[in-house]
Amino acid sequence: MYRVAFRIGDFSIHWYGILVAVGFLVGLWTASRRGLRDGLAPERIVDLGPWLIVSSLVGARALYVISYWQESFASAPWTEVFMIRHGGLVFYGGLIAACLTTILYARLKRLPLWKLGDALAPSIALGYVPGRIGCLMNGCCYGAPTHLPWAIHFPPEHTTGGVGVHPTQIYDALLNLGLYAGLARLYRRKQFDGQVFASYLLGYAVTRSVVELFRGDYPVRYLGGWATPAHLLSLVVLVTGAILYATLRSRQ
């Protein structure tokens, strides 16, 4: 766990922020190249980039603050709420905010929404990978204790106390790398607009649910202690993706 990449005077630059930024840049660049197959000008996707960055960060931070208000923010809200460089982003909050921003942008610029969503979808999975490595460097989103040979050990002062835990950040990164490869292949063979984006919702909901089984950082669980809040959100995303897939396919 190495939180600080380097320092400029008294200001620390954290690996978490650097890797999240790398994820955004890689995602936008690959999406801008991919969109050419559907007649989307690269500059249209690049122009969307700053809006996606801001909205997704705000959405991801807002859901994190809401989820962990009592544990981390109730005592000193104004000093911690905006400290994103320390970590603390919930991906589903960012995804929801980014989807709303994309819908608004497509309407304002008169772009085909589902073509735009298909171009972005594989890159969301790809951009997610550096972000999860950032979580590993930051020591957040850690796994439950395990004695498996690939267990990782954070420093003794970490919340885990230095015991071996599942490397859930690596699980998530590898699964999303595979999801990216599958979606990029599907994009070249898609049968209708929106198919790739709907498939992303289905694929991410499944991969995230699998990883959540090994997470150890949630103070609250449901359904007898095995379901995390992300499991419940994943179920909503899974149903949404299935309905969207069936609806768009039936139209074409």
Protein backbone atom coordinates (compact mmCIF):
# COMPACT_ATOMS: atom_id res chain seq x y z
CA MET A 1 0.00 0.00 0.00
CA TYR A 2 1.60 3.25 -1.21
CA ARG A 3 -0.82 6.13 -1.01
CA VAL A 4 1.48 9.02 -1.89
CA ALA A 5 3.13 9.05 -5.31
CA PHE A 6 5.16 12.22 -4.76
CA ARG A 7 5.03 15.56 -3.01
CA ILE A 8 5.18 19.13 -4.22
CA GLY A 9 6.11 21.12 -1.17
CA ASP A 10 3.51 20.32 1.46
CA PHE A 11 1.02 19.02 -1.11
CA SER A 12 0.82 15.26 -1.64
CA ILE A 13 -0.12 13.67 -4.95
CA HIS A 14 -1.82 10.33 -4.30
CA TRP A 15 -1.64 7.25 -6.51
CA TYR A 16 -5.40 6.89 -6.22
CA GLY A 17 -6.02 10.20 -7.99
CA ILE A 18 -3.37 9.55 -10.62
CA LEU A 19 -4.74 6.13 -11.54
CA VAL A 20 -8.35 7.33 -11.62
CA ALA A 21 -7.23 10.08 -14.02
CA VAL A 22 -5.38 7.50 -16.15
CA GLY A 23 -8.58 5.46 -16.30
CA PHE A 24 -10.57 8.43 -17.58
CA LEU A 25 -7.98 9.30 -20.22
CA VAL A 26 -7.60 5.73 -21.49
CA GLY A 27 -11.37 5.30 -21.59
CA LEU A 28 -12.00 8.51 -23.51
CA TRP A 29 -9.23 7.86 -26.04
CA THR A 30 -10.36 4.32 -26.83
CA ALA A 31 -14.01 5.40 -27.04
CA SER A 32 -13.16 8.21 -29.46
CA ARG A 33 -11.39 5.77 -31.77
CA ARG A 34 -14.11 3.13 -31.50
CA GLY A 35 -16.93 5.56 -32.28
CA LEU A 36 -15.59 6.08 -35.80
CA ARG A 37 -17.17 2.75 -36.79
CA ASP A 38 -20.59 4.24 -36.05
CA GLY A 39 -19.89 7.60 -37.65
CA LEU A 40 -19.25 9.43 -34.38
CA ALA A 41 -16.61 12.14 -34.73
CA PRO A 42 -13.80 11.68 -32.16
CA GLU A 43 -14.07 15.31 -31.07
CA ARG A 44 -17.68 14.74 -30.01
CA ILE A 45 -16.60 12.10 -27.51
CA VAL A 46 -13.59 14.14 -26.41
CA ASP A 47 -15.85 17.15 -25.79
CA LEU A 48 -18.08 14.94 -23.67
CA GLY A 49 -15.06 13.90 -21.60
CA PRO A 50 -14.82 16.83 -19.15
CA TRP A 51 -18.54 16.61 -18.42
CA LEU A 52 -18.27 12.88 -17.76
CA ILE A 53 -15.27 13.37 -15.49
CA VAL A 54 -16.96 16.02 -13.35
CA SER A 55 -20.37 14.35 -13.16
CA SER A 56 -19.04 10.87 -12.44
CA LEU A 57 -16.73 12.12 -9.68
CA VAL A 58 -19.56 14.09 -8.09
CA GLY A 59 -21.96 11.14 -8.34
CA ALA A 60 -19.42 8.61 -7.05
CA ARG A 61 -18.42 10.82 -4.12
CA ALA A 62 -22.02 11.68 -3.26
CA LEU A 63 -23.04 8.03 -3.01
CA TYR A 64 -19.96 7.24 -0.92
CA VAL A 65 -20.70 10.09 1.49
CA ILE A 66 -24.32 8.96 1.80
CA SER A 67 -23.29 5.34 2.36
CA TYR A 68 -20.63 6.09 4.99
CA TRP A 69 -21.98 9.28 6.54
CA GLN A 70 -22.12 8.03 10.12
CA GLU A 71 -18.78 6.22 9.98
CA SER A 72 -16.64 8.86 8.27
CA PHE A 73 -18.35 12.22 7.80
CA ALA A 74 -20.89 13.02 10.52
CA SER A 75 -18.23 14.30 12.94
CA ALA A 76 -16.38 16.56 10.46
CA PRO A 77 -18.33 16.85 7.21
CA TRP A 78 -16.74 19.97 5.74
CA THR A 79 -13.17 18.75 6.17
CA GLU A 80 -13.64 15.27 4.69
CA VAL A 81 -16.46 15.38 2.13
CA PHE A 82 -14.29 16.97 -0.55
CA MET A 83 -11.08 15.00 0.12
CA ILE A 84 -11.41 12.74 -2.91
CA ARG A 85 -7.65 12.26 -3.15
CA HIS A 86 -7.84 10.19 0.05
CA GLY A 87 -10.15 7.73 -1.72
CA GLY A 88 -13.84 7.11 -1.30
CA LEU A 89 -15.76 6.82 -4.56
CA VAL A 90 -18.68 4.47 -5.20
CA PHE A 91 -18.64 3.39 -8.83
CA TYR A 92 -22.39 2.97 -9.16
CA GLY A 93 -22.93 6.59 -8.16
CA GLY A 94 -20.51 7.70 -10.85
CA LEU A 95 -22.12 5.40 -13.44
CA ILE A 96 -25.59 6.80 -12.80
CA ALA A 97 -24.37 10.39 -12.99
CA ALA A 98 -22.37 9.68 -16.16
CA CYS A 99 -25.39 8.05 -17.84
CA LEU A 100 -27.58 11.08 -17.11
CA THR A 101 -24.86 13.40 -18.42
CA THR A 102 -24.50 11.36 -21.62
CA ILE A 103 -28.26 11.43 -22.23
CA LEU A 104 -28.33 15.21 -21.82
CA TYR A 105 -25.24 15.67 -24.02
CA ALA A 106 -26.66 13.46 -26.79
CA ARG A 107 -29.90 15.46 -26.80
CA LEU A 108 -28.14 18.82 -26.86
CA LYS A 109 -25.73 17.79 -29.63
CA ARG A 110 -28.36 15.72 -31.49
CA LEU A 111 -26.23 12.58 -31.40
CA PRO A 112 -27.61 9.01 -31.64
CA LEU A 113 -27.77 8.05 -27.97
CA TRP A 114 -27.36 4.29 -28.29
CA LYS A 115 -24.50 4.55 -30.78
CA LEU A 116 -22.77 6.85 -28.31
CA GLY A 117 -23.49 4.45 -25.43
CA ASP A 118 -22.09 1.52 -27.40
CA ALA A 119 -18.87 3.42 -28.14
CA LEU A 120 -18.42 4.32 -24.48
CA ALA A 121 -19.39 1.01 -22.86
CA PRO A 122 -16.19 -1.05 -23.43
CA SER A 123 -14.10 1.92 -22.38
CA ILE A 124 -15.95 2.19 -19.07
CA ALA A 125 -14.77 -1.32 -18.25
CA LEU A 126 -11.23 -0.53 -19.40
CA GLY A 127 -11.03 2.75 -17.48
CA TYR A 128 -12.25 0.95 -14.37
CA VAL A 129 -9.10 -1.20 -14.27
CA PRO A 130 -6.56 1.52 -13.26
CA GLY A 131 -9.09 2.87 -10.77
CA ARG A 132 -9.22 -0.47 -8.97
CA ILE A 133 -5.42 -0.62 -8.86
CA GLY A 134 -5.65 2.83 -7.29
CA CYS A 135 -7.90 1.33 -4.62
CA LEU A 136 -5.22 -1.27 -3.93
CA MET A 137 -2.56 1.43 -3.54
CA ASN A 138 -4.91 3.38 -1.28
CA GLY A 139 -5.86 0.41 0.89
CA CYS A 140 -9.60 0.74 0.35
CA CYS A 141 -12.17 -1.76 -1.01
CA TYR A 142 -10.22 -4.54 0.67
CA GLY A 143 -11.27 -8.16 0.96
CA ALA A 144 -12.32 -10.50 3.74
CA PRO A 145 -9.68 -12.48 5.68
CA THR A 146 -8.37 -15.58 3.91
CA HIS A 147 -5.55 -18.11 4.14
CA LEU A 148 -5.29 -18.63 0.41
CA PRO A 149 -1.73 -18.45 -0.97
CA TRP A 150 -2.49 -15.31 -2.99
CA ALA A 151 -3.76 -13.37 0.02
CA ILE A 152 -2.32 -9.88 0.40
CA HIS A 153 -1.24 -8.19 3.63
CA PHE A 154 -1.66 -4.50 4.28
CA PRO A 155 0.51 -2.77 6.91
CA PRO A 156 -0.29 -3.57 10.56
CA GLU A 157 -1.81 -0.11 11.09
CA HIS A 158 -4.37 -0.78 8.35
CA THR A 159 -7.96 -1.60 9.32
CA THR A 160 -7.30 -5.26 8.51
CA GLY A 161 -4.54 -5.41 11.14
CA GLY A 162 -2.11 -6.91 8.64
CA VAL A 163 -3.88 -10.27 8.31
CA GLY A 164 -4.15 -11.92 4.89
CA VAL A 165 -7.17 -10.77 2.89
CA HIS A 166 -8.61 -11.43 -0.54
CA PRO A 167 -7.09 -9.09 -3.17
CA THR A 168 -10.56 -7.97 -4.25
CA GLN A 169 -9.17 -4.96 -6.09
CA ILE A 170 -7.18 -7.28 -8.34
CA TYR A 171 -10.15 -9.62 -8.80
CA ASP A 172 -12.23 -6.66 -9.93
CA ALA A 173 -9.53 -5.30 -12.24
CA LEU A 174 -8.99 -8.65 -13.98
CA LEU A 175 -12.70 -9.31 -14.42
CA ASN A 176 -13.24 -5.87 -15.94
CA LEU A 177 -10.27 -6.33 -18.24
CA GLY A 178 -11.96 -9.50 -19.50
CA LEU A 179 -15.27 -7.64 -19.74
CA TYR A 180 -13.57 -4.97 -21.85
CA ALA A 181 -12.17 -7.58 -24.24
CA GLY A 182 -15.60 -9.20 -24.62
CA LEU A 183 -17.42 -5.91 -25.20
CA ALA A 184 -14.82 -4.66 -27.69
CA ARG A 185 -15.31 -7.86 -29.68
CA LEU A 186 -19.09 -7.57 -29.44
CA TYR A 187 -18.94 -3.97 -30.71
CA ARG A 188 -17.52 -5.13 -34.03
CA ARG A 189 -20.34 -7.67 -34.41
CA LYS A 190 -23.30 -5.97 -32.74
CA GLN A 191 -26.73 -6.55 -34.23
CA PHE A 192 -28.49 -3.43 -32.95
CA ASP A 193 -27.64 -0.08 -31.40
CA GLY A 194 -27.52 -0.23 -27.64
CA GLN A 195 -26.56 -3.90 -27.54
CA VAL A 196 -23.05 -3.23 -26.25
CA PHE A 197 -24.16 -0.82 -23.55
CA ALA A 198 -26.92 -3.15 -22.33
CA SER A 199 -24.41 -6.02 -22.33
CA TYR A 200 -22.05 -3.89 -20.25
CA LEU A 201 -24.75 -3.37 -17.61
CA LEU A 202 -25.39 -7.12 -17.50
CA GLY A 203 -21.70 -8.04 -17.43
CA TYR A 204 -20.68 -5.51 -14.83
CA ALA A 205 -23.57 -6.40 -12.52
CA VAL A 206 -22.47 -10.05 -12.60
CA THR A 207 -18.72 -9.44 -12.16
CA ARG A 208 -19.29 -6.93 -9.38
CA SER A 209 -21.62 -9.33 -7.56
CA VAL A 210 -18.97 -12.05 -7.70
CA VAL A 211 -16.28 -9.78 -6.26
CA GLU A 212 -18.62 -8.53 -3.54
CA LEU A 213 -18.76 -12.06 -2.10
CA PHE A 214 -15.12 -11.61 -1.05
CA ARG A 215 -15.27 -8.00 0.21
CA GLY A 216 -14.52 -7.31 3.86
CA ASP A 217 -14.91 -3.54 4.21
CA TYR A 218 -18.68 -3.13 4.59
CA PRO A 219 -20.02 -2.20 8.06
CA VAL A 220 -23.57 -3.16 7.04
CA ARG A 221 -24.77 -6.29 5.23
CA TYR A 222 -28.16 -7.68 4.31
CA LEU A 223 -29.95 -11.00 3.73
CA GLY A 224 -28.32 -12.87 6.54
CA GLY A 225 -24.96 -11.16 6.25
CA TRP A 226 -23.86 -12.17 2.76
CA ALA A 227 -25.28 -9.34 0.64
CA THR A 228 -23.54 -5.97 0.50
CA PRO A 229 -25.17 -2.70 -0.59
CA ALA A 230 -23.43 -3.16 -3.94
CA HIS A 231 -25.18 -6.51 -4.34
CA LEU A 232 -28.54 -4.76 -4.13
CA LEU A 233 -27.47 -2.09 -6.63
CA SER A 234 -26.09 -4.79 -8.92
CA LEU A 235 -29.47 -6.49 -8.93
CA VAL A 236 -31.12 -3.24 -10.04
CA VAL A 237 -28.50 -2.76 -12.77
CA LEU A 238 -28.89 -6.38 -13.91
CA VAL A 239 -32.66 -6.03 -14.28
CA THR A 240 -32.24 -2.66 -16.03
CA GLY A 241 -29.73 -4.13 -18.46
CA ALA A 242 -31.97 -7.10 -19.25
CA ILE A 243 -35.01 -4.89 -19.90
CA LEU A 244 -32.94 -2.50 -22.02
CA TYR A 245 -31.45 -5.36 -24.05
CA ALA A 246 -34.84 -6.94 -24.74
CA THR A 247 -36.50 -3.60 -25.57
CA LEU A 248 -33.80 -2.41 -27.98
CA ARG A 249 -33.57 -5.77 -29.71
CA SER A 250 -37.33 -5.92 -30.24
CA ARG A 251 -37.29 -2.47 -31.85
CA GLN A 252 -34.81 -3.59 -34.48
